[in-house]
Amino acid sequence: MTHPTPGLSTFRTETRAWLEENCPPEMREPLRSDSDVCWGGRNFQPSSPAQKDWLDRMGARGWTVPDWPTEYGGGGLSAAETKVLREELARLRARNPLNSFGISMLGPALLKYGTEEQKLDHLPKIARGEIRWCQGYSEPNAGSDLAGLAASAESDGDDYIVNGQKVWTSYADKADWIFCLVRTSKESKQGGISFVLFDMASPGVSTKPILLISGYSPFCETFMDGVRVPKRNRIHDENKGWDVAKYLLGHEREMISGMGLGGQGESPLVAGAIATIGLDADGRLADPLLRAQIAHFEVRTQAFRAMSERFIDELKHGTAHPAQPSMMKYVGTELNKHRNELIMAAGGSDALEWESDRTNGGAPARAWLRTKANSIEGGTSEVQLNIVAKRILELPS
């Protein structure tokens, strides 16, 4: 059995005390609706003063991105300290102070490929939740072939002129800036791609929500008509954007895999099943078949949680296999789909309801329908399984 170092024990004690003092009680309650999720951005409207206080306090300490360097708005924590902070936040059942594609996707890419000027310009704003980002990757005629993109960036002095269309751009209608793949050369499919950043308020940018079967529209079409993008906003070399894109995808798949763990607080699956079905004389869920299914699911979730912890540790120490995010993404999304299927099974007829206050506007059914996209977004499950087969299991093509 290993024992924590004295320094790490002191850090845990001090961290626990600070969180107890600074995390508002409201921020320790389960999320009630989408408005309880903090995305930040120029147009961010807090759902409550507590939500704003929690973001400001964590941002000021650098703990929205605890393992980023302090000069870029981070906390400067080691991998071990970051893990302790994550454990203490979970112990409090504290809400995430800031959800951000800037943190989970763009930030790591900037840290690896950005210039010092680009890092200082963008990373502190991401850490403080001042700018909300979206991702311009998928295109309507490319399918799963990400490198088959057609959006073009023509050189015009110190600028690019960008034309084209992106699709499935999550929250594009709410984002301030976009990180976008564009074609700067036709001589090579993957070698002719560049990675650029631009303001969504730029002339020529427009968005159109895509209505899903769940009734919600997190996705959008994004149109670029003669958008002028300064070349200083290009990350890495011209025509080398595919390197950045692949690196970012690993972090995106790591982020998506997290849905397999569920949120903080009481499990809606267990709570819903008890409320609908009730307990037997022994205090167990009255439906033995559903009880066994939930128990099996919870065991799988704990196994995935252990695997996630190991992967994060390996990632921080630089020993993770490059294809591990694909494995994590596949298992995490399958778990999330299974969780929502069990929630529907446990909810009885109420789970089929669509609009009443009793079910928070049909939240179970809408969430279940939304999960159908989990095995597509961020790379289809079939693509992830192919990557695992070839790169981890080393099976023949």
Protein backbone atom coordinates (compact mmCIF):
# COMPACT_ATOMS: atom_id res chain seq x y z
CA MET A 1 0.00 0.00 0.00
CA THR A 2 1.34 3.42 -0.97
CA HIS A 3 1.04 6.43 1.31
CA PRO A 4 0.66 10.05 0.22
CA THR A 5 3.66 12.30 0.65
CA PRO A 6 3.48 14.85 3.46
CA GLY A 7 3.34 17.65 0.90
CA LEU A 8 0.42 16.08 -0.90
CA SER A 9 -1.41 15.46 2.39
CA THR A 10 -0.99 19.13 3.28
CA PHE A 11 -2.23 20.13 -0.16
CA ARG A 12 -5.33 17.98 0.27
CA THR A 13 -6.08 19.48 3.69
CA GLU A 14 -5.67 23.03 2.42
CA THR A 15 -7.66 22.31 -0.74
CA ARG A 16 -10.52 20.74 1.19
CA ALA A 17 -10.67 23.73 3.54
CA TRP A 18 -10.65 26.22 0.64
CA LEU A 19 -13.38 24.37 -1.25
CA GLU A 20 -15.55 24.08 1.86
CA GLU A 21 -15.29 27.83 2.34
CA ASN A 22 -15.61 28.93 -1.28
CA CYS A 23 -17.97 26.49 -2.99
CA PRO A 24 -21.50 27.91 -2.54
CA PRO A 25 -24.06 25.41 -1.18
CA GLU A 26 -26.14 25.83 -4.35
CA MET A 27 -23.16 24.68 -6.43
CA ARG A 28 -23.16 21.37 -4.54
CA GLU A 29 -26.67 20.48 -5.67
CA PRO A 30 -27.43 18.31 -8.73
CA LEU A 31 -27.97 20.12 -12.03
CA ARG A 32 -31.64 20.89 -12.56
CA SER A 33 -31.59 22.11 -16.18
CA ASP A 34 -29.25 23.20 -18.96
CA SER A 35 -29.18 26.71 -17.48
CA ASP A 36 -27.29 25.30 -14.48
CA VAL A 37 -24.36 24.43 -16.75
CA CYS A 38 -21.82 27.25 -16.94
CA TRP A 39 -20.31 27.73 -20.41
CA GLY A 40 -18.98 31.27 -19.95
CA GLY A 41 -18.48 33.57 -22.93
CA ARG A 42 -19.11 37.19 -23.87
CA ASN A 43 -22.87 36.77 -23.61
CA PHE A 44 -22.88 34.53 -20.54
CA GLN A 45 -25.84 35.15 -18.25
CA PRO A 46 -25.40 33.35 -14.89
CA SER A 47 -28.40 31.37 -13.71
CA SER A 48 -27.71 32.64 -10.18
CA PRO A 49 -25.19 34.78 -8.25
CA ALA A 50 -23.76 31.54 -6.81
CA GLN A 51 -22.94 30.24 -10.29
CA LYS A 52 -21.04 33.45 -11.11
CA ASP A 53 -19.24 33.45 -7.74
CA TRP A 54 -18.14 29.83 -8.20
CA LEU A 55 -16.72 30.53 -11.66
CA ASP A 56 -14.94 33.70 -10.51
CA ARG A 57 -13.41 32.08 -7.44
CA MET A 58 -12.17 28.99 -9.27
CA GLY A 59 -10.98 31.08 -12.22
CA ALA A 60 -9.05 33.48 -10.01
CA ARG A 61 -7.24 30.53 -8.43
CA GLY A 62 -6.55 28.96 -11.83
CA TRP A 63 -8.53 25.88 -10.87
CA THR A 64 -10.79 25.83 -13.91
CA VAL A 65 -7.61 24.52 -15.60
CA PRO A 66 -5.54 23.41 -12.61
CA ASP A 67 -2.74 21.72 -14.54
CA TRP A 68 -2.15 24.58 -17.00
CA PRO A 69 0.86 26.86 -16.34
CA THR A 70 0.07 29.92 -14.21
CA GLU A 71 1.20 32.32 -16.94
CA TYR A 72 -1.67 31.09 -19.09
CA GLY A 73 -4.34 31.38 -16.39
CA GLY A 74 -3.90 27.91 -14.92
CA GLY A 75 -3.25 26.69 -11.43
CA GLY A 76 0.23 25.32 -12.11
CA LEU A 77 -0.59 22.10 -10.25
CA SER A 78 1.23 18.83 -10.72
CA ALA A 79 -0.60 15.76 -12.01
CA ALA A 80 -0.85 14.42 -8.45
CA GLU A 81 -2.21 17.71 -7.10
CA THR A 82 -4.71 17.95 -9.94
CA LYS A 83 -5.97 14.47 -9.08
CA VAL A 84 -6.38 15.48 -5.42
CA LEU A 85 -8.34 18.57 -6.44
CA ARG A 86 -10.58 16.44 -8.67
CA GLU A 87 -11.19 14.03 -5.79
CA GLU A 88 -12.05 16.82 -3.37
CA LEU A 89 -14.47 18.39 -5.84
CA ALA A 90 -16.15 15.01 -6.24
CA ARG A 91 -16.32 14.57 -2.46
CA LEU A 92 -18.24 17.86 -2.22
CA ARG A 93 -20.34 16.88 -5.24
CA ALA A 94 -19.43 20.29 -6.57
CA ARG A 95 -20.60 21.33 -10.01
CA ASN A 96 -18.02 21.92 -12.71
CA PRO A 97 -17.33 25.67 -12.48
CA LEU A 98 -16.83 25.94 -16.24
CA ASN A 99 -17.70 23.72 -19.21
CA SER A 100 -15.63 24.76 -22.20
CA PHE A 101 -14.51 23.37 -25.54
CA GLY A 102 -11.65 25.81 -25.06
CA ILE A 103 -10.54 23.83 -22.01
CA SER A 104 -11.22 20.32 -23.22
CA MET A 105 -10.12 20.65 -26.85
CA LEU A 106 -8.54 23.90 -28.06
CA GLY A 107 -6.46 24.60 -24.96
CA PRO A 108 -4.32 21.43 -25.13
CA ALA A 109 -3.75 22.03 -28.86
CA LEU A 110 -2.65 25.62 -28.20
CA LEU A 111 -0.32 24.50 -25.43
CA LYS A 112 1.37 22.09 -27.85
CA TYR A 113 1.28 23.96 -31.16
CA GLY A 114 0.54 27.63 -30.43
CA THR A 115 3.06 30.45 -30.45
CA GLU A 116 3.77 32.25 -27.19
CA GLU A 117 1.74 35.21 -28.42
CA GLN A 118 -1.22 32.95 -29.26
CA LYS A 119 -1.06 31.23 -25.87
CA LEU A 120 -0.99 34.51 -23.96
CA ASP A 121 -3.80 35.92 -26.10
CA HIS A 122 -6.26 33.02 -25.85
CA LEU A 123 -5.51 30.71 -22.92
CA PRO A 124 -6.15 33.13 -20.00
CA LYS A 125 -9.51 34.10 -21.54
CA ILE A 126 -10.42 30.43 -21.82
CA ALA A 127 -9.41 29.79 -18.20
CA ARG A 128 -11.56 32.66 -16.94
CA GLY A 129 -14.55 31.71 -19.08
CA GLU A 130 -14.46 34.97 -21.03
CA ILE A 131 -14.65 33.41 -24.50
CA ARG A 132 -16.86 30.50 -25.57
CA TRP A 133 -15.52 28.34 -28.40
CA CYS A 134 -17.04 26.00 -30.97
CA GLN A 135 -15.46 23.48 -33.34
CA GLY A 136 -15.52 23.74 -37.15
CA TYR A 137 -14.57 20.24 -38.28
CA SER A 138 -17.36 18.21 -39.93
CA GLU A 139 -18.71 19.11 -43.36
CA PRO A 140 -21.96 18.04 -45.09
CA ASN A 141 -20.28 16.19 -47.96
CA ALA A 142 -17.39 14.57 -46.07
CA GLY A 143 -19.16 12.10 -43.76
CA SER A 144 -16.66 10.37 -41.48
CA ASP A 145 -13.79 11.41 -43.76
CA LEU A 146 -12.67 14.45 -41.81
CA ALA A 147 -9.76 15.08 -44.17
CA GLY A 148 -12.23 15.28 -47.07
CA LEU A 149 -13.11 18.84 -46.13
CA ALA A 150 -13.75 21.46 -48.82
CA ALA A 151 -13.95 24.74 -46.89
CA SER A 152 -11.24 26.86 -48.48
CA ALA A 153 -8.88 29.55 -47.24
CA GLU A 154 -7.39 31.64 -50.04
CA SER A 155 -4.33 33.75 -49.27
CA ASP A 156 -4.83 37.52 -49.47
CA GLY A 157 -1.79 39.33 -48.09
CA ASP A 158 -1.74 38.98 -44.31
CA ASP A 159 -5.18 37.36 -44.31
CA TYR A 160 -7.05 34.30 -45.51
CA ILE A 161 -10.43 34.57 -47.21
CA VAL A 162 -12.49 31.63 -45.95
CA ASN A 163 -15.48 30.17 -47.78
CA GLY A 164 -17.43 27.02 -47.10
CA GLN A 165 -19.78 25.25 -44.72
CA LYS A 166 -19.46 23.23 -41.53
CA VAL A 167 -22.12 21.01 -39.98
CA TRP A 168 -22.86 19.60 -36.52
CA THR A 169 -21.12 22.63 -35.02
CA SER A 170 -22.14 22.29 -31.37
CA TYR A 171 -23.48 25.56 -29.91
CA ALA A 172 -22.21 27.62 -32.86
CA ASP A 173 -25.13 29.98 -32.36
CA LYS A 174 -23.90 30.72 -28.83
CA ALA A 175 -20.12 30.65 -29.36
CA ASP A 176 -17.84 33.69 -29.55
CA TRP A 177 -14.96 32.13 -31.52
CA ILE A 178 -14.42 29.00 -33.62
CA PHE A 179 -11.39 26.75 -34.20
CA CYS A 180 -11.74 25.62 -37.78
CA LEU A 181 -10.14 23.31 -40.34
CA VAL A 182 -9.76 24.84 -43.80
CA ARG A 183 -8.12 23.77 -47.04
CA THR A 184 -5.12 25.90 -48.01
CA SER A 185 -3.80 23.51 -50.68
CA LYS A 186 -5.26 20.89 -53.00
CA GLU A 187 -1.97 19.16 -53.68
CA SER A 188 -2.36 16.80 -50.73
CA LYS A 189 -5.55 15.67 -48.98
CA GLN A 190 -4.27 15.68 -45.41
CA GLY A 191 -1.24 17.82 -46.16
CA GLY A 192 -3.30 20.71 -47.50
CA ILE A 193 -5.25 21.48 -44.31
CA SER A 194 -4.67 24.44 -41.99
CA PHE A 195 -6.03 25.11 -38.51
CA VAL A 196 -7.34 28.66 -37.97
CA LEU A 197 -9.20 30.63 -35.32
CA PHE A 198 -11.69 33.42 -35.93
CA ASP A 199 -14.40 35.45 -34.25
CA MET A 200 -17.95 34.25 -34.93
CA ALA A 201 -18.97 37.91 -35.13
CA SER A 202 -16.78 38.35 -38.24
CA PRO A 203 -18.61 39.56 -41.37
CA GLY A 204 -19.67 36.60 -43.51
CA VAL A 205 -20.24 34.12 -40.65
CA SER A 206 -23.77 32.81 -40.08
CA THR A 207 -25.33 29.84 -38.30
CA LYS A 208 -28.53 27.82 -38.54
CA PRO A 209 -29.67 25.44 -35.76
CA ILE A 210 -30.31 21.78 -36.62
CA LEU A 211 -33.40 20.42 -34.88
CA LEU A 212 -32.86 16.96 -33.40
CA ILE A 213 -35.42 14.26 -32.62
CA SER A 214 -35.06 15.20 -28.95
CA GLY A 215 -36.53 18.62 -29.71
CA TYR A 216 -33.30 20.39 -28.75
CA SER A 217 -30.77 22.04 -31.04
CA PRO A 218 -27.22 21.98 -29.68
CA PHE A 219 -25.97 21.48 -33.25
CA CYS A 220 -25.80 24.04 -36.03
CA GLU A 221 -24.80 24.51 -39.62
CA THR A 222 -22.12 27.16 -39.94
CA PHE A 223 -21.68 29.15 -43.15
CA MET A 224 -18.57 31.15 -44.09
CA ASP A 225 -18.95 33.58 -46.98
CA GLY A 226 -15.78 35.56 -47.67
CA VAL A 227 -14.68 35.63 -44.03
CA ARG A 228 -11.40 37.48 -43.54
CA VAL A 229 -9.12 35.68 -41.07
CA PRO A 230 -5.71 37.12 -40.11
CA LYS A 231 -2.90 34.65 -40.78
CA ARG A 232 -1.60 35.30 -37.27
CA ASN A 233 -4.65 33.27 -36.17
CA ARG A 234 -3.34 30.15 -37.88
CA ILE A 235 -2.10 27.53 -35.40
CA HIS A 236 1.06 25.67 -36.49
CA ASP A 237 2.40 25.88 -40.04
CA GLU A 238 0.31 26.33 -43.16
CA ASN A 239 -0.84 22.95 -44.53
CA LYS A 240 0.15 21.28 -41.23
CA GLY A 241 -3.25 21.66 -39.58
CA TRP A 242 -3.91 17.93 -39.76
CA ASP A 243 -1.31 17.42 -37.03
CA VAL A 244 -3.22 19.83 -34.78
CA ALA A 245 -6.56 18.29 -35.75
CA LYS A 246 -5.48 14.75 -34.79
CA TYR A 247 -4.03 15.89 -31.49
CA LEU A 248 -7.20 17.81 -30.64
CA LEU A 249 -9.40 14.82 -31.56
CA GLY A 250 -7.69 12.75 -28.88
CA HIS A 251 -8.70 15.30 -26.26
CA GLU A 252 -12.22 15.58 -27.70
CA ARG A 253 -12.70 11.82 -27.42
CA GLU A 254 -11.37 11.90 -23.87
CA MET A 255 -13.95 14.61 -23.08
CA ILE A 256 -16.83 12.69 -24.69
CA SER A 257 -15.84 9.50 -22.87
CA GLY A 258 -16.52 11.30 -19.58
CA MET A 259 -20.26 11.00 -20.16
CA GLY A 260 -19.89 7.33 -19.26
CA LEU A 261 -19.24 8.35 -15.66
CA GLY A 262 -22.47 10.33 -15.29
CA GLY A 263 -22.72 13.47 -13.17
CA GLN A 264 -22.16 14.22 -9.53
CA GLY A 265 -24.72 13.55 -6.88
CA GLU A 266 -27.37 10.88 -6.53
CA SER A 267 -27.78 8.58 -9.50
CA PRO A 268 -30.95 9.55 -11.42
CA LEU A 269 -31.13 5.93 -12.53
CA VAL A 270 -31.35 4.53 -9.00
CA ALA A 271 -33.46 7.38 -7.64
CA GLY A 272 -35.92 7.16 -10.55
CA ALA A 273 -36.25 3.40 -10.25
CA ILE A 274 -36.99 3.61 -6.53
CA ALA A 275 -39.53 6.39 -7.01
CA THR A 276 -41.38 4.52 -9.77
CA ILE A 277 -41.10 0.87 -8.73
CA GLY A 278 -40.56 1.09 -4.98
CA LEU A 279 -38.74 -1.20 -2.58
CA ASP A 280 -39.53 -4.73 -1.46
CA ALA A 281 -39.74 -5.93 2.14
CA ASP A 282 -35.96 -6.30 2.28
CA GLY A 283 -35.38 -2.71 1.17
CA ARG A 284 -34.29 -3.69 -2.34
CA LEU A 285 -35.69 -2.48 -5.65
CA ALA A 286 -38.94 -4.39 -6.10
CA ASP A 287 -38.27 -5.47 -9.72
CA PRO A 288 -35.55 -8.17 -9.48
CA LEU A 289 -34.76 -8.14 -13.21
CA LEU A 290 -34.27 -4.38 -13.34
CA ARG A 291 -32.36 -4.55 -10.06
CA ALA A 292 -29.90 -6.99 -11.61
CA GLN A 293 -29.56 -4.87 -14.76
CA ILE A 294 -28.82 -1.75 -12.71
CA ALA A 295 -26.31 -3.60 -10.53
CA HIS A 296 -24.52 -4.90 -13.63
CA PHE A 297 -24.48 -1.40 -15.09
CA GLU A 298 -23.09 0.16 -11.90
CA VAL A 299 -20.28 -2.43 -11.82
CA ARG A 300 -19.38 -1.56 -15.41
CA THR A 301 -19.44 2.14 -14.53
CA GLN A 302 -17.04 1.63 -11.63
CA ALA A 303 -14.71 -0.39 -13.86
CA PHE A 304 -14.81 2.41 -16.42
CA ARG A 305 -14.11 4.97 -13.68
CA ALA A 306 -11.01 3.02 -12.65
CA MET A 307 -9.90 2.78 -16.27
CA SER A 308 -10.45 6.54 -16.68
CA GLU A 309 -8.31 7.33 -13.65
CA ARG A 310 -5.51 5.15 -14.98
CA PHE A 311 -5.74 6.71 -18.43
CA ILE A 312 -5.64 10.27 -17.01
CA ASP A 313 -2.58 9.38 -14.93
CA GLU A 314 -0.84 7.88 -17.96
CA LEU A 315 -1.79 10.87 -20.08
CA LYS A 316 -0.33 13.32 -17.56
CA HIS A 317 2.90 11.30 -17.41
CA GLY A 318 3.16 10.96 -21.18
CA THR A 319 2.82 7.16 -21.20
CA ALA A 320 -0.71 6.82 -22.61
CA HIS A 321 -1.16 4.93 -25.87
CA PRO A 322 -2.18 7.35 -28.67
CA ALA A 323 -5.23 5.20 -29.46
CA GLN A 324 -6.51 5.04 -25.89
CA PRO A 325 -8.89 8.00 -26.36
CA SER A 326 -10.71 5.95 -29.02
CA MET A 327 -11.18 3.09 -26.57
CA MET A 328 -12.36 5.50 -23.85
CA LYS A 329 -14.73 7.28 -26.22
CA TYR A 330 -16.34 4.05 -27.40
CA VAL A 331 -16.89 2.58 -23.92
CA GLY A 332 -18.00 5.89 -22.41
CA THR A 333 -20.63 6.59 -25.04
CA GLU A 334 -21.97 3.03 -24.88
CA LEU A 335 -22.31 3.35 -21.11
CA ASN A 336 -24.14 6.65 -21.43
CA LYS A 337 -26.57 5.16 -23.94
CA HIS A 338 -27.16 2.15 -21.66
CA ARG A 339 -27.70 4.43 -18.65
CA ASN A 340 -30.43 6.36 -20.42
CA GLU A 341 -32.08 3.18 -21.66
CA LEU A 342 -32.27 1.94 -18.06
CA ILE A 343 -33.64 5.30 -16.91
CA MET A 344 -36.42 4.91 -19.48
CA ALA A 345 -37.08 1.33 -18.37
CA ALA A 346 -37.21 2.39 -14.71
CA GLY A 347 -39.42 5.40 -15.35
CA GLY A 348 -42.49 3.53 -16.50
CA SER A 349 -45.08 5.48 -18.45
CA ASP A 350 -43.79 8.78 -17.03
CA ALA A 351 -40.58 8.27 -18.98
CA LEU A 352 -42.56 8.57 -22.22
CA GLU A 353 -44.02 11.95 -21.23
CA TRP A 354 -42.83 14.86 -23.38
CA GLU A 355 -43.81 18.27 -22.00
CA SER A 356 -45.16 18.35 -18.43
CA ASP A 357 -43.55 19.99 -15.39
CA ARG A 358 -43.67 16.61 -13.66
CA THR A 359 -40.87 15.32 -15.90
CA ASN A 360 -39.14 18.68 -16.38
CA GLY A 361 -40.39 18.97 -19.94
CA GLY A 362 -39.91 15.32 -20.82
CA ALA A 363 -36.24 15.34 -19.75
CA PRO A 364 -35.82 11.52 -19.57
CA ALA A 365 -37.22 10.89 -23.04
CA ARG A 366 -35.39 13.81 -24.61
CA ALA A 367 -32.09 12.79 -23.01
CA TRP A 368 -32.57 9.20 -24.18
CA LEU A 369 -33.17 10.34 -27.75
CA ARG A 370 -30.17 12.68 -27.56
CA THR A 371 -27.85 9.79 -26.65
CA LYS A 372 -28.50 8.20 -30.04
CA ALA A 373 -25.95 10.65 -31.43
CA ASN A 374 -23.28 9.66 -28.90
CA SER A 375 -21.99 6.85 -31.08
CA ILE A 376 -21.65 9.23 -34.05
CA GLU A 377 -20.27 12.52 -32.69
CA GLY A 378 -16.54 12.82 -32.11
CA GLY A 379 -15.92 9.89 -34.45
CA THR A 380 -18.34 7.02 -35.03
CA SER A 381 -18.15 3.90 -32.89
CA GLU A 382 -17.20 1.88 -35.99
CA VAL A 383 -14.22 4.16 -36.63
CA GLN A 384 -13.15 3.96 -32.97
CA LEU A 385 -13.34 0.16 -33.01
CA ASN A 386 -11.23 0.07 -36.17
CA ILE A 387 -8.61 2.26 -34.48
CA VAL A 388 -8.57 0.02 -31.39
CA ALA A 389 -8.32 -3.11 -33.56
CA LYS A 390 -5.42 -1.80 -35.63
CA ARG A 391 -3.41 0.26 -33.16
CA ILE A 392 -3.99 -1.41 -29.79
CA LEU A 393 -4.82 -5.03 -30.66
CA GLU A 394 -2.58 -4.85 -33.78
CA LEU A 395 -4.98 -6.97 -35.80
CA PRO A 396 -4.34 -7.26 -39.55
CA SER A 397 -6.24 -4.92 -41.86
